[in-house]
Amino acid sequence: MDYQVTEKKNATIVQINGELDVANAMELSDYLTGLFKKFPKRVILNLEAVNYIASSGLAMLVAALKKSRETRVPFAICGLSPMARKAVEMTTLHEILPIYENVDESLNKLQETPAE
């Protein structure tokens, strides 16, 4: 797994590539924890290039959602491959995770953190 981070329309987009498993879920979780502490306007995880999600990867998604709520930074995932979508739906995480088809839909529907 590797990931690239870009900024677009007041959102931090993390594009994840490869497998999201026990070998790399902690690394990504640590990165996201640090990212949320910087209070970006929005965080979007793009999973379109993820071909496998292990239970540790699913746990990382839940941890990211929790950190999002703690910091009040809007968070979503998008671009689930059929394999990744199946894993998310089997665990009913689709009921709590904001999931969109692609980055553009995420940008349109995910509200920014209000300015203080």
Protein backbone atom coordinates (compact mmCIF):
# COMPACT_ATOMS: atom_id res chain seq x y z
CA MET A 1 0.00 0.00 0.00
CA ASP A 2 0.98 3.55 -0.60
CA TYR A 3 -0.93 6.80 -0.46
CA GLN A 4 -0.78 10.27 -1.97
CA VAL A 5 -2.22 13.39 -0.40
CA THR A 6 -3.65 16.27 -2.43
CA GLU A 7 -5.64 19.39 -1.66
CA LYS A 8 -8.71 20.27 -3.72
CA LYS A 9 -11.55 22.71 -2.99
CA ASN A 10 -10.74 23.05 0.71
CA ALA A 11 -10.44 19.29 1.18
CA THR A 12 -7.54 17.01 1.97
CA ILE A 13 -7.84 13.96 -0.26
CA VAL A 14 -5.91 10.83 0.65
CA GLN A 15 -5.67 8.46 -2.32
CA ILE A 16 -4.88 4.94 -1.09
CA ASN A 17 -3.42 2.36 -3.47
CA GLY A 18 -3.07 -1.39 -2.99
CA GLU A 19 -4.12 -3.54 -0.06
CA LEU A 20 -5.29 -2.16 3.26
CA ASP A 21 -4.22 -4.85 5.70
CA VAL A 22 -2.56 -5.45 9.05
CA ALA A 23 0.86 -4.61 7.59
CA ASN A 24 -0.09 -1.02 6.76
CA ALA A 25 -3.37 -0.08 8.47
CA MET A 26 -1.54 1.21 11.56
CA GLU A 27 0.73 3.44 9.46
CA LEU A 28 -2.27 4.97 7.72
CA SER A 29 -4.15 5.32 11.01
CA ASP A 30 -1.20 7.20 12.53
CA TYR A 31 -1.04 9.49 9.50
CA LEU A 32 -4.79 10.23 9.68
CA THR A 33 -4.63 10.92 13.42
CA GLY A 34 -1.95 13.54 12.75
CA LEU A 35 -3.92 14.93 9.85
CA PHE A 36 -7.10 15.41 11.90
CA LYS A 37 -5.08 17.23 14.58
CA LYS A 38 -4.24 19.86 11.94
CA PHE A 39 -8.00 20.60 11.59
CA PRO A 40 -8.37 20.56 7.81
CA LYS A 41 -11.69 21.72 6.34
CA ARG A 42 -12.61 18.20 5.12
CA VAL A 43 -10.90 14.81 4.77
CA ILE A 44 -11.76 12.37 1.99
CA LEU A 45 -10.27 8.89 1.69
CA ASN A 46 -10.32 7.77 -1.92
CA LEU A 47 -10.30 3.96 -2.00
CA GLU A 48 -10.79 3.43 -5.74
CA ALA A 49 -7.37 1.77 -6.06
CA VAL A 50 -7.78 -0.44 -2.98
CA ASN A 51 -8.31 -4.04 -4.05
CA TYR A 52 -8.46 -5.63 -0.58
CA ILE A 53 -9.47 -4.48 2.91
CA ALA A 54 -8.67 -6.69 5.89
CA SER A 55 -10.41 -6.37 9.25
CA SER A 56 -7.54 -4.14 10.43
CA GLY A 57 -8.25 -1.82 7.49
CA LEU A 58 -11.93 -1.69 8.42
CA ALA A 59 -10.94 -0.91 12.02
CA MET A 60 -8.76 1.91 10.70
CA LEU A 61 -11.79 3.38 8.88
CA VAL A 62 -13.80 3.32 12.11
CA ALA A 63 -10.91 4.94 14.00
CA ALA A 64 -10.74 7.68 11.34
CA LEU A 65 -14.47 8.31 11.72
CA LYS A 66 -14.06 8.54 15.50
CA LYS A 67 -11.16 10.99 15.15
CA SER A 68 -13.24 13.00 12.67
CA ARG A 69 -16.05 13.30 15.18
CA GLU A 70 -13.66 14.21 18.01
CA THR A 71 -12.08 17.01 15.97
CA ARG A 72 -15.33 17.97 14.18
CA VAL A 73 -13.64 17.62 10.81
CA PRO A 74 -16.02 16.30 8.14
CA PHE A 75 -14.85 12.94 6.81
CA ALA A 76 -15.93 10.60 4.03
CA ILE A 77 -14.70 7.71 1.96
CA CYS A 78 -15.28 7.28 -1.73
CA GLY A 79 -14.51 5.12 -4.72
CA LEU A 80 -15.06 1.74 -3.12
CA SER A 81 -14.08 -1.08 -5.45
CA PRO A 82 -16.55 -4.01 -5.55
CA MET A 83 -14.29 -6.02 -3.23
CA ALA A 84 -13.91 -3.14 -0.75
CA ARG A 85 -17.64 -2.36 -0.90
CA LYS A 86 -18.44 -5.98 -0.08
CA ALA A 87 -16.20 -5.87 3.02
CA VAL A 88 -17.74 -2.61 4.20
CA GLU A 89 -21.30 -3.83 3.64
CA MET A 90 -20.72 -7.24 5.26
CA THR A 91 -19.67 -5.47 8.44
CA THR A 92 -22.52 -2.91 8.14
CA LEU A 93 -20.01 -0.06 8.25
CA HIS A 94 -21.86 1.52 5.33
CA GLU A 95 -24.52 2.43 7.90
CA ILE A 96 -22.15 4.72 9.84
CA LEU A 97 -19.51 5.76 7.31
CA PRO A 98 -20.29 8.56 4.86
CA ILE A 99 -19.62 6.87 1.50
CA TYR A 100 -19.71 8.52 -1.92
CA GLU A 101 -19.08 7.23 -5.42
CA ASN A 102 -16.10 9.47 -6.23
CA VAL A 103 -14.09 12.49 -5.11
CA ASP A 104 -16.29 14.98 -6.97
CA GLU A 105 -19.46 13.71 -5.30
CA SER A 106 -17.67 13.80 -1.93
CA LEU A 107 -16.62 17.40 -2.52
CA ASN A 108 -20.18 18.37 -3.45
CA LYS A 109 -21.92 16.65 -0.52
CA LEU A 110 -19.45 16.79 2.36
CA GLN A 111 -19.78 20.10 4.18
CA GLU A 112 -16.70 22.07 5.16
CA THR A 113 -15.82 22.76 8.77
CA PRO A 114 -17.38 26.15 9.49
CA ALA A 115 -14.99 29.07 9.91
CA GLU A 116 -14.72 30.31 13.47
